[in-house]
Amino acid sequence: MYKFTGQVYLGSSVGNAGPPGETEISKHNPQRIIKLIELCSFDSLEPGTLNLNVDESVVKFLKNLNPDWLEPPNEINPPNDHYDIHYKRGGYKYFSGVIIKDIYSIKIIARIGAVNPLPNTVEIYSNQKVRNKLALNDGDKIDVYILGVAV
């Protein structure tokens, strides 16, 4: 098991300041949703991701780790004119894990870009609204545990 701490922050899609968010991208990629549901034995997947600011050593560690699933860029259907983002990232690496805060634990999937990940960023998928369930606000810190890793 590999543990890291992340700080919650709003994603780039908020206020249309950046590229489309995961909620929009997922609409064009139902195969991704199916694979993520299978990966963690979820009944469903909440739209979007929880964005965590992490120490760059976390991103480097995950980049060198074999993922539970490697999504190649040629299998991603981007919305609108953002056709090159997934190629810039080299696809995506997905890791099964758990977030623990107080008495709650939530099964999650953590994601980074496979080749060129966003600096200091890990995205979190879940079958629950993690922000709501754990009463998280921007700036809050949470512990994430990546499963199946011998450290």
Foldseek 3Di string as FASTA:
>chain_A
DDKFKWFWDDDCPVVPNDFHFQLVQCVQPVVVQVVQCVLQVNPGWDGGWTKTQGAQVVVVVQLPDQASDFAALVNGDGPDPPNCPLVVLRGKGKFWWWWDDDPDIFTWIWMARNHDGDGRIIIIIGRDPVCVVRVDDGGDMIMMGGPPDDD
